mmCIF file of all heavy atoms, coordinates in Angstrom:
data_MODEL
# 
_entry.id   MODEL 
# 
loop_
_atom_site.group_PDB 
_atom_site.id 
_atom_site.type_symbol 
_atom_site.label_atom_id 
_atom_site.label_alt_id 
_atom_site.label_comp_id 
_atom_site.label_asym_id 
_atom_site.label_entity_id 
_atom_site.label_seq_id 
_atom_site.pdbx_PDB_ins_code 
_atom_site.Cartn_x 
_atom_site.Cartn_y 
_atom_site.Cartn_z 
_atom_site.occupancy 
_atom_site.B_iso_or_equiv 
_atom_site.pdbx_formal_charge 
_atom_site.auth_seq_id 
_atom_site.auth_comp_id 
_atom_site.auth_asym_id 
_atom_site.auth_atom_id 
_atom_site.pdbx_PDB_model_num 
ATOM 1   N N   . ARG A 1 1  ? 27.801 10.466 -145.502 1.00 0.00 ? 1  ARG A N   1 
ATOM 2   C CA  . ARG A 1 1  ? 28.908 11.402 -145.330 1.00 0.00 ? 1  ARG A CA  1 
ATOM 3   C C   . ARG A 1 1  ? 29.863 10.874 -144.268 1.00 0.00 ? 1  ARG A C   1 
ATOM 4   O O   . ARG A 1 1  ? 29.469 10.171 -143.344 1.00 0.00 ? 1  ARG A O   1 
ATOM 5   C CB  . ARG A 1 1  ? 28.398 12.780 -144.925 1.00 0.00 ? 1  ARG A CB  1 
ATOM 6   C CG  . ARG A 1 1  ? 27.637 13.444 -146.061 1.00 0.00 ? 1  ARG A CG  1 
ATOM 7   C CD  . ARG A 1 1  ? 27.301 14.893 -145.760 1.00 0.00 ? 1  ARG A CD  1 
ATOM 8   N NE  . ARG A 1 1  ? 26.727 15.529 -146.927 1.00 0.00 ? 1  ARG A NE  1 
ATOM 9   C CZ  . ARG A 1 1  ? 27.427 16.197 -147.836 1.00 0.00 ? 1  ARG A CZ  1 
ATOM 10  N NH1 . ARG A 1 1  ? 28.730 16.317 -147.709 1.00 0.00 ? 1  ARG A NH1 1 
ATOM 11  N NH2 . ARG A 1 1  ? 26.830 16.745 -148.873 1.00 0.00 ? 1  ARG A NH2 1 
ATOM 12  N N   . SER A 1 2  ? 31.120 11.254 -144.418 1.00 0.00 ? 2  SER A N   1 
ATOM 13  C CA  . SER A 1 2  ? 32.145 10.884 -143.448 1.00 0.00 ? 2  SER A CA  1 
ATOM 14  C C   . SER A 1 2  ? 32.055 11.796 -142.230 1.00 0.00 ? 2  SER A C   1 
ATOM 15  O O   . SER A 1 2  ? 31.303 12.783 -142.224 1.00 0.00 ? 2  SER A O   1 
ATOM 16  C CB  . SER A 1 2  ? 33.525 11.014 -144.087 1.00 0.00 ? 2  SER A CB  1 
ATOM 17  O OG  . SER A 1 2  ? 33.771 12.371 -144.404 1.00 0.00 ? 2  SER A OG  1 
ATOM 18  N N   . ALA A 1 3  ? 32.845 11.498 -141.199 1.00 0.00 ? 3  ALA A N   1 
ATOM 19  C CA  . ALA A 1 3  ? 32.875 12.311 -139.986 1.00 0.00 ? 3  ALA A CA  1 
ATOM 20  C C   . ALA A 1 3  ? 33.294 13.746 -140.292 1.00 0.00 ? 3  ALA A C   1 
ATOM 21  O O   . ALA A 1 3  ? 32.859 14.680 -139.608 1.00 0.00 ? 3  ALA A O   1 
ATOM 22  C CB  . ALA A 1 3  ? 33.809 11.685 -138.953 1.00 0.00 ? 3  ALA A CB  1 
ATOM 23  N N   . ASP A 1 4  ? 34.098 13.947 -141.337 1.00 0.00 ? 4  ASP A N   1 
ATOM 24  C CA  . ASP A 1 4  ? 34.508 15.311 -141.709 1.00 0.00 ? 4  ASP A CA  1 
ATOM 25  C C   . ASP A 1 4  ? 33.594 15.898 -142.790 1.00 0.00 ? 4  ASP A C   1 
ATOM 26  O O   . ASP A 1 4  ? 33.938 16.873 -143.447 1.00 0.00 ? 4  ASP A O   1 
ATOM 27  C CB  . ASP A 1 4  ? 35.974 15.352 -142.130 1.00 0.00 ? 4  ASP A CB  1 
ATOM 28  C CG  . ASP A 1 4  ? 36.261 14.549 -143.392 1.00 0.00 ? 4  ASP A CG  1 
ATOM 29  O OD1 . ASP A 1 4  ? 35.338 13.898 -143.922 1.00 0.00 ? 4  ASP A OD1 1 
ATOM 30  O OD2 . ASP A 1 4  ? 37.416 14.579 -143.845 1.00 0.00 ? 4  ASP A OD2 1 
ATOM 31  N N   . ASP A 1 5  ? 32.415 15.304 -142.967 1.00 0.00 ? 5  ASP A N   1 
ATOM 32  C CA  . ASP A 1 5  ? 31.344 15.781 -143.834 1.00 0.00 ? 5  ASP A CA  1 
ATOM 33  C C   . ASP A 1 5  ? 31.607 15.603 -145.329 1.00 0.00 ? 5  ASP A C   1 
ATOM 34  O O   . ASP A 1 5  ? 30.911 16.189 -146.154 1.00 0.00 ? 5  ASP A O   1 
ATOM 35  C CB  . ASP A 1 5  ? 30.987 17.243 -143.529 1.00 0.00 ? 5  ASP A CB  1 
ATOM 36  C CG  . ASP A 1 5  ? 29.533 17.534 -143.867 1.00 0.00 ? 5  ASP A CG  1 
ATOM 37  O OD1 . ASP A 1 5  ? 28.675 16.648 -143.656 1.00 0.00 ? 5  ASP A OD1 1 
ATOM 38  O OD2 . ASP A 1 5  ? 29.251 18.649 -144.363 1.00 0.00 ? 5  ASP A OD2 1 
ATOM 39  N N   . ALA A 1 6  ? 32.579 14.798 -145.715 1.00 0.00 ? 6  ALA A N   1 
ATOM 40  C CA  . ALA A 1 6  ? 32.797 14.523 -147.140 1.00 0.00 ? 6  ALA A CA  1 
ATOM 41  C C   . ALA A 1 6  ? 31.667 13.630 -147.662 1.00 0.00 ? 6  ALA A C   1 
ATOM 42  O O   . ALA A 1 6  ? 31.260 12.675 -146.993 1.00 0.00 ? 6  ALA A O   1 
ATOM 43  C CB  . ALA A 1 6  ? 34.143 13.835 -147.349 1.00 0.00 ? 6  ALA A CB  1 
ATOM 44  N N   . LEU A 1 7  ? 31.172 13.937 -148.849 1.00 0.00 ? 7  LEU A N   1 
ATOM 45  C CA  . LEU A 1 7  ? 30.131 13.132 -149.480 1.00 0.00 ? 7  LEU A CA  1 
ATOM 46  C C   . LEU A 1 7  ? 30.761 11.859 -150.029 1.00 0.00 ? 7  LEU A C   1 
ATOM 47  O O   . LEU A 1 7  ? 31.657 11.910 -150.873 1.00 0.00 ? 7  LEU A O   1 
ATOM 48  C CB  . LEU A 1 7  ? 29.456 13.915 -150.605 1.00 0.00 ? 7  LEU A CB  1 
ATOM 49  C CG  . LEU A 1 7  ? 28.354 13.189 -151.363 1.00 0.00 ? 7  LEU A CG  1 
ATOM 50  C CD1 . LEU A 1 7  ? 27.195 12.823 -150.430 1.00 0.00 ? 7  LEU A CD1 1 
ATOM 51  C CD2 . LEU A 1 7  ? 27.862 14.066 -152.510 1.00 0.00 ? 7  LEU A CD2 1 
ATOM 52  N N   . LEU A 1 8  ? 30.301 10.705 -149.537 1.00 0.00 ? 8  LEU A N   1 
ATOM 53  C CA  . LEU A 1 8  ? 30.852 9.416  -149.949 1.00 0.00 ? 8  LEU A CA  1 
ATOM 54  C C   . LEU A 1 8  ? 29.966 8.712  -150.969 1.00 0.00 ? 8  LEU A C   1 
ATOM 55  O O   . LEU A 1 8  ? 30.466 8.081  -151.900 1.00 0.00 ? 8  LEU A O   1 
ATOM 56  C CB  . LEU A 1 8  ? 31.049 8.518  -148.728 1.00 0.00 ? 8  LEU A CB  1 
ATOM 57  C CG  . LEU A 1 8  ? 31.907 9.106  -147.601 1.00 0.00 ? 8  LEU A CG  1 
ATOM 58  C CD1 . LEU A 1 8  ? 31.948 8.151  -146.421 1.00 0.00 ? 8  LEU A CD1 1 
ATOM 59  C CD2 . LEU A 1 8  ? 33.295 9.444  -148.102 1.00 0.00 ? 8  LEU A CD2 1 
ATOM 60  N N   . ALA A 1 9  ? 28.659 8.798  -150.780 1.00 0.00 ? 9  ALA A N   1 
ATOM 61  C CA  . ALA A 1 9  ? 27.710 8.150  -151.688 1.00 0.00 ? 9  ALA A CA  1 
ATOM 62  C C   . ALA A 1 9  ? 26.378 8.862  -151.576 1.00 0.00 ? 9  ALA A C   1 
ATOM 63  O O   . ALA A 1 9  ? 26.051 9.427  -150.527 1.00 0.00 ? 9  ALA A O   1 
ATOM 64  C CB  . ALA A 1 9  ? 27.555 6.674  -151.346 1.00 0.00 ? 9  ALA A CB  1 
ATOM 65  N N   . GLU A 1 10 ? 25.618 8.806  -152.660 1.00 0.00 ? 10 GLU A N   1 
ATOM 66  C CA  . GLU A 1 10 ? 24.295 9.431  -152.646 1.00 0.00 ? 10 GLU A CA  1 
ATOM 67  C C   . GLU A 1 10 ? 23.358 8.626  -153.530 1.00 0.00 ? 10 GLU A C   1 
ATOM 68  O O   . GLU A 1 10 ? 23.792 7.880  -154.409 1.00 0.00 ? 10 GLU A O   1 
ATOM 69  C CB  . GLU A 1 10 ? 24.363 10.886 -153.089 1.00 0.00 ? 10 GLU A CB  1 
ATOM 70  C CG  . GLU A 1 10 ? 24.883 11.088 -154.498 1.00 0.00 ? 10 GLU A CG  1 
ATOM 71  C CD  . GLU A 1 10 ? 25.105 12.550 -154.828 1.00 0.00 ? 10 GLU A CD  1 
ATOM 72  O OE1 . GLU A 1 10 ? 24.440 13.418 -154.232 1.00 0.00 ? 10 GLU A OE1 1 
ATOM 73  O OE2 . GLU A 1 10 ? 25.953 12.820 -155.698 1.00 0.00 ? 10 GLU A OE2 1 
ATOM 74  N N   . ALA A 1 11 ? 22.077 8.790  -153.281 1.00 0.00 ? 11 ALA A N   1 
ATOM 75  C CA  . ALA A 1 11 ? 21.086 8.044  -154.057 1.00 0.00 ? 11 ALA A CA  1 
ATOM 76  C C   . ALA A 1 11 ? 19.804 8.845  -154.175 1.00 0.00 ? 11 ALA A C   1 
ATOM 77  O O   . ALA A 1 11 ? 19.504 9.709  -153.340 1.00 0.00 ? 11 ALA A O   1 
ATOM 78  C CB  . ALA A 1 11 ? 20.778 6.704  -153.388 1.00 0.00 ? 11 ALA A CB  1 
ATOM 79  N N   . THR A 1 12 ? 19.072 8.525  -155.214 1.00 0.00 ? 12 THR A N   1 
ATOM 80  C CA  . THR A 1 12 ? 17.693 8.966  -155.354 1.00 0.00 ? 12 THR A CA  1 
ATOM 81  C C   . THR A 1 12 ? 16.875 7.714  -155.622 1.00 0.00 ? 12 THR A C   1 
ATOM 82  O O   . THR A 1 12 ? 17.396 6.724  -156.148 1.00 0.00 ? 12 THR A O   1 
ATOM 83  C CB  . THR A 1 12 ? 17.522 9.978  -156.505 1.00 0.00 ? 12 THR A CB  1 
ATOM 84  O OG1 . THR A 1 12 ? 18.005 9.389  -157.716 1.00 0.00 ? 12 THR A OG1 1 
ATOM 85  C CG2 . THR A 1 12 ? 18.257 11.273 -156.217 1.00 0.00 ? 12 THR A CG2 1 
ATOM 86  N N   . ALA A 1 13 ? 15.620 7.771  -155.248 1.00 0.00 ? 13 ALA A N   1 
ATOM 87  C CA  . ALA A 1 13 ? 14.773 6.595  -155.452 1.00 0.00 ? 13 ALA A CA  1 
ATOM 88  C C   . ALA A 1 13 ? 13.326 7.006  -155.626 1.00 0.00 ? 13 ALA A C   1 
ATOM 89  O O   . ALA A 1 13 ? 12.893 8.059  -155.154 1.00 0.00 ? 13 ALA A O   1 
ATOM 90  C CB  . ALA A 1 13 ? 14.898 5.629  -154.272 1.00 0.00 ? 13 ALA A CB  1 
ATOM 91  N N   . SER A 1 14 ? 12.602 6.133  -156.299 1.00 0.00 ? 14 SER A N   1 
ATOM 92  C CA  . SER A 1 14 ? 11.150 6.237  -156.397 1.00 0.00 ? 14 SER A CA  1 
ATOM 93  C C   . SER A 1 14 ? 10.570 5.133  -155.531 1.00 0.00 ? 14 SER A C   1 
ATOM 94  O O   . SER A 1 14 ? 11.013 3.981  -155.608 1.00 0.00 ? 14 SER A O   1 
ATOM 95  C CB  . SER A 1 14 ? 10.683 6.037  -157.838 1.00 0.00 ? 14 SER A CB  1 
ATOM 96  O OG  . SER A 1 14 ? 11.230 7.034  -158.673 1.00 0.00 ? 14 SER A OG  1 
ATOM 97  N N   . PHE A 1 15 ? 9.616  5.487  -154.715 1.00 0.00 ? 15 PHE A N   1 
ATOM 98  C CA  . PHE A 1 15 ? 8.890  4.544  -153.872 1.00 0.00 ? 15 PHE A CA  1 
ATOM 99  C C   . PHE A 1 15 ? 7.437  4.562  -154.300 1.00 0.00 ? 15 PHE A C   1 
ATOM 100 O O   . PHE A 1 15 ? 6.938  5.581  -154.786 1.00 0.00 ? 15 PHE A O   1 
ATOM 101 C CB  . PHE A 1 15 ? 8.981  4.952  -152.395 1.00 0.00 ? 15 PHE A CB  1 
ATOM 102 C CG  . PHE A 1 15 ? 10.315 4.675  -151.764 1.00 0.00 ? 15 PHE A CG  1 
ATOM 103 C CD1 . PHE A 1 15 ? 11.419 5.460  -152.049 1.00 0.00 ? 15 PHE A CD1 1 
ATOM 104 C CD2 . PHE A 1 15 ? 10.472 3.619  -150.874 1.00 0.00 ? 15 PHE A CD2 1 
ATOM 105 C CE1 . PHE A 1 15 ? 12.652 5.204  -151.469 1.00 0.00 ? 15 PHE A CE1 1 
ATOM 106 C CE2 . PHE A 1 15 ? 11.696 3.352  -150.298 1.00 0.00 ? 15 PHE A CE2 1 
ATOM 107 C CZ  . PHE A 1 15 ? 12.791 4.152  -150.592 1.00 0.00 ? 15 PHE A CZ  1 
ATOM 108 N N   . VAL A 1 16 ? 6.761  3.440  -154.103 1.00 0.00 ? 16 VAL A N   1 
ATOM 109 C CA  . VAL A 1 16 ? 5.335  3.350  -154.390 1.00 0.00 ? 16 VAL A CA  1 
ATOM 110 C C   . VAL A 1 16 ? 4.608  3.059  -153.087 1.00 0.00 ? 16 VAL A C   1 
ATOM 111 O O   . VAL A 1 16 ? 4.941  2.085  -152.384 1.00 0.00 ? 16 VAL A O   1 
ATOM 112 C CB  . VAL A 1 16 ? 5.036  2.248  -155.431 1.00 0.00 ? 16 VAL A CB  1 
ATOM 113 C CG1 . VAL A 1 16 ? 3.540  2.112  -155.652 1.00 0.00 ? 16 VAL A CG1 1 
ATOM 114 C CG2 . VAL A 1 16 ? 5.744  2.561  -156.746 1.00 0.00 ? 16 VAL A CG2 1 
ATOM 115 N N   . ALA A 1 17 ? 3.655  3.914  -152.759 1.00 0.00 ? 17 ALA A N   1 
ATOM 116 C CA  . ALA A 1 17 ? 2.871  3.726  -151.535 1.00 0.00 ? 17 ALA A CA  1 
ATOM 117 C C   . ALA A 1 17 ? 2.057  2.437  -151.644 1.00 0.00 ? 17 ALA A C   1 
ATOM 118 O O   . ALA A 1 17 ? 1.500  2.128  -152.703 1.00 0.00 ? 17 ALA A O   1 
ATOM 119 C CB  . ALA A 1 17 ? 1.951  4.918  -151.304 1.00 0.00 ? 17 ALA A CB  1 
ATOM 120 N N   . VAL A 1 18 ? 2.022  1.702  -150.551 1.00 0.00 ? 18 VAL A N   1 
ATOM 121 C CA  . VAL A 1 18 ? 1.249  0.459  -150.523 1.00 0.00 ? 18 VAL A CA  1 
ATOM 122 C C   . VAL A 1 18 ? -0.218 0.770  -150.281 1.00 0.00 ? 18 VAL A C   1 
ATOM 123 O O   . VAL A 1 18 ? -0.576 1.880  -149.879 1.00 0.00 ? 18 VAL A O   1 
ATOM 124 C CB  . VAL A 1 18 ? 1.795  -0.512 -149.442 1.00 0.00 ? 18 VAL A CB  1 
ATOM 125 C CG1 . VAL A 1 18 ? 3.243  -0.898 -149.747 1.00 0.00 ? 18 VAL A CG1 1 
ATOM 126 C CG2 . VAL A 1 18 ? 1.666  0.076  -148.046 1.00 0.00 ? 18 VAL A CG2 1 
ATOM 127 N N   . ASP A 1 19 ? -1.082 -0.214 -150.523 1.00 0.00 ? 19 ASP A N   1 
ATOM 128 C CA  . ASP A 1 19 ? -2.506 0.006  -150.312 1.00 0.00 ? 19 ASP A CA  1 
ATOM 129 C C   . ASP A 1 19 ? -2.822 0.125  -148.814 1.00 0.00 ? 19 ASP A C   1 
ATOM 130 O O   . ASP A 1 19 ? -1.984 -0.183 -147.959 1.00 0.00 ? 19 ASP A O   1 
ATOM 131 C CB  . ASP A 1 19 ? -3.342 -1.088 -150.983 1.00 0.00 ? 19 ASP A CB  1 
ATOM 132 C CG  . ASP A 1 19 ? -3.117 -2.472 -150.398 1.00 0.00 ? 19 ASP A CG  1 
ATOM 133 O OD1 . ASP A 1 19 ? -2.904 -2.621 -149.181 1.00 0.00 ? 19 ASP A OD1 1 
ATOM 134 O OD2 . ASP A 1 19 ? -3.163 -3.434 -151.186 1.00 0.00 ? 19 ASP A OD2 1 
ATOM 135 N N   . ALA A 1 20 ? -4.019 0.566  -148.504 1.00 0.00 ? 20 ALA A N   1 
ATOM 136 C CA  . ALA A 1 20 ? -4.417 0.846  -147.122 1.00 0.00 ? 20 ALA A CA  1 
ATOM 137 C C   . ALA A 1 20 ? -4.324 -0.386 -146.222 1.00 0.00 ? 20 ALA A C   1 
ATOM 138 O O   . ALA A 1 20 ? -3.902 -0.284 -145.065 1.00 0.00 ? 20 ALA A O   1 
ATOM 139 C CB  . ALA A 1 20 ? -5.833 1.422  -147.087 1.00 0.00 ? 20 ALA A CB  1 
ATOM 140 N N   . ALA A 1 21 ? -4.684 -1.549 -146.734 1.00 0.00 ? 21 ALA A N   1 
ATOM 141 C CA  . ALA A 1 21 ? -4.632 -2.768 -145.915 1.00 0.00 ? 21 ALA A CA  1 
ATOM 142 C C   . ALA A 1 21 ? -3.187 -3.111 -145.541 1.00 0.00 ? 21 ALA A C   1 
ATOM 143 O O   . ALA A 1 21 ? -2.902 -3.453 -144.388 1.00 0.00 ? 21 ALA A O   1 
ATOM 144 C CB  . ALA A 1 21 ? -5.288 -3.936 -146.650 1.00 0.00 ? 21 ALA A CB  1 
ATOM 145 N N   . GLN A 1 22 ? -2.266 -2.999 -146.500 1.00 0.00 ? 22 GLN A N   1 
ATOM 146 C CA  . GLN A 1 22 ? -0.861 -3.275 -146.206 1.00 0.00 ? 22 GLN A CA  1 
ATOM 147 C C   . GLN A 1 22 ? -0.290 -2.231 -145.253 1.00 0.00 ? 22 GLN A C   1 
ATOM 148 O O   . GLN A 1 22 ? 0.456  -2.561 -144.334 1.00 0.00 ? 22 GLN A O   1 
ATOM 149 C CB  . GLN A 1 22 ? -0.040 -3.310 -147.488 1.00 0.00 ? 22 GLN A CB  1 
ATOM 150 C CG  . GLN A 1 22 ? 1.414  -3.654 -147.253 1.00 0.00 ? 22 GLN A CG  1 
ATOM 151 C CD  . GLN A 1 22 ? 1.592  -5.065 -146.712 1.00 0.00 ? 22 GLN A CD  1 
ATOM 152 O OE1 . GLN A 1 22 ? 1.310  -6.034 -147.402 1.00 0.00 ? 22 GLN A OE1 1 
ATOM 153 N NE2 . GLN A 1 22 ? 2.034  -5.188 -145.478 1.00 0.00 ? 22 GLN A NE2 1 
ATOM 154 N N   . ALA A 1 23 ? -0.637 -0.972 -145.466 1.00 0.00 ? 23 ALA A N   1 
ATOM 155 C CA  . ALA A 1 23 ? -0.166 0.097  -144.572 1.00 0.00 ? 23 ALA A CA  1 
ATOM 156 C C   . ALA A 1 23 ? -0.624 -0.157 -143.139 1.00 0.00 ? 23 ALA A C   1 
ATOM 157 O O   . ALA A 1 23 ? 0.152  -0.003 -142.188 1.00 0.00 ? 23 ALA A O   1 
ATOM 158 C CB  . ALA A 1 23 ? -0.663 1.453  -145.064 1.00 0.00 ? 23 ALA A CB  1 
ATOM 159 N N   . GLN A 1 24 ? -1.874 -0.579 -142.971 1.00 0.00 ? 24 GLN A N   1 
ATOM 160 C CA  . GLN A 1 24 ? -2.395 -0.870 -141.635 1.00 0.00 ? 24 GLN A CA  1 
ATOM 161 C C   . GLN A 1 24 ? -1.678 -2.078 -141.023 1.00 0.00 ? 24 GLN A C   1 
ATOM 162 O O   . GLN A 1 24 ? -1.333 -2.070 -139.838 1.00 0.00 ? 24 GLN A O   1 
ATOM 163 C CB  . GLN A 1 24 ? -3.904 -1.119 -141.670 1.00 0.00 ? 24 GLN A CB  1 
ATOM 164 C CG  . GLN A 1 24 ? -4.517 -1.385 -140.311 1.00 0.00 ? 24 GLN A CG  1 
ATOM 165 C CD  . GLN A 1 24 ? -4.297 -0.249 -139.325 1.00 0.00 ? 24 GLN A CD  1 
ATOM 166 O OE1 . GLN A 1 24 ? -4.259 0.921  -139.696 1.00 0.00 ? 24 GLN A OE1 1 
ATOM 167 N NE2 . GLN A 1 24 ? -4.131 -0.586 -138.046 1.00 0.00 ? 24 GLN A NE2 1 
ATOM 168 N N   . ALA A 1 25 ? -1.435 -3.105 -141.817 1.00 0.00 ? 25 ALA A N   1 
ATOM 169 C CA  . ALA A 1 25 ? -0.715 -4.275 -141.307 1.00 0.00 ? 25 ALA A CA  1 
ATOM 170 C C   . ALA A 1 25 ? 0.692  -3.890 -140.847 1.00 0.00 ? 25 ALA A C   1 
ATOM 171 O O   . ALA A 1 25 ? 1.163  -4.360 -139.800 1.00 0.00 ? 25 ALA A O   1 
ATOM 172 C CB  . ALA A 1 25 ? -0.644 -5.363 -142.384 1.00 0.00 ? 25 ALA A CB  1 
ATOM 173 N N   . TRP A 1 26 ? 1.364  -3.034 -141.601 1.00 0.00 ? 26 TRP A N   1 
ATOM 174 C CA  . TRP A 1 26 ? 2.701  -2.575 -141.197 1.00 0.00 ? 26 TRP A CA  1 
ATOM 175 C C   . TRP A 1 26 ? 2.638  -1.730 -139.934 1.00 0.00 ? 26 TRP A C   1 
ATOM 176 O O   . TRP A 1 26 ? 3.491  -1.843 -139.072 1.00 0.00 ? 26 TRP A O   1 
ATOM 177 C CB  . TRP A 1 26 ? 3.356  -1.798 -142.318 1.00 0.00 ? 26 TRP A CB  1 
ATOM 178 C CG  . TRP A 1 26 ? 3.875  -2.665 -143.428 1.00 0.00 ? 26 TRP A CG  1 
ATOM 179 C CD1 . TRP A 1 26 ? 3.937  -4.041 -143.460 1.00 0.00 ? 26 TRP A CD1 1 
ATOM 180 C CD2 . TRP A 1 26 ? 4.400  -2.218 -144.665 1.00 0.00 ? 26 TRP A CD2 1 
ATOM 181 N NE1 . TRP A 1 26 ? 4.471  -4.455 -144.648 1.00 0.00 ? 26 TRP A NE1 1 
ATOM 182 C CE2 . TRP A 1 26 ? 4.767  -3.369 -145.401 1.00 0.00 ? 26 TRP A CE2 1 
ATOM 183 C CE3 . TRP A 1 26 ? 4.590  -0.960 -145.229 1.00 0.00 ? 26 TRP A CE3 1 
ATOM 184 C CZ2 . TRP A 1 26 ? 5.325  -3.286 -146.682 1.00 0.00 ? 26 TRP A CZ2 1 
ATOM 185 C CZ3 . TRP A 1 26 ? 5.144  -0.870 -146.499 1.00 0.00 ? 26 TRP A CZ3 1 
ATOM 186 C CH2 . TRP A 1 26 ? 5.501  -2.034 -147.209 1.00 0.00 ? 26 TRP A CH2 1 
# 
């Protein structure tokens, strides 16, 4: 959004959770 709150761009996304070993490394 801009400083005057106008919507400039928007997105939706799907994420996939990583396995436990990768999560711990991160």
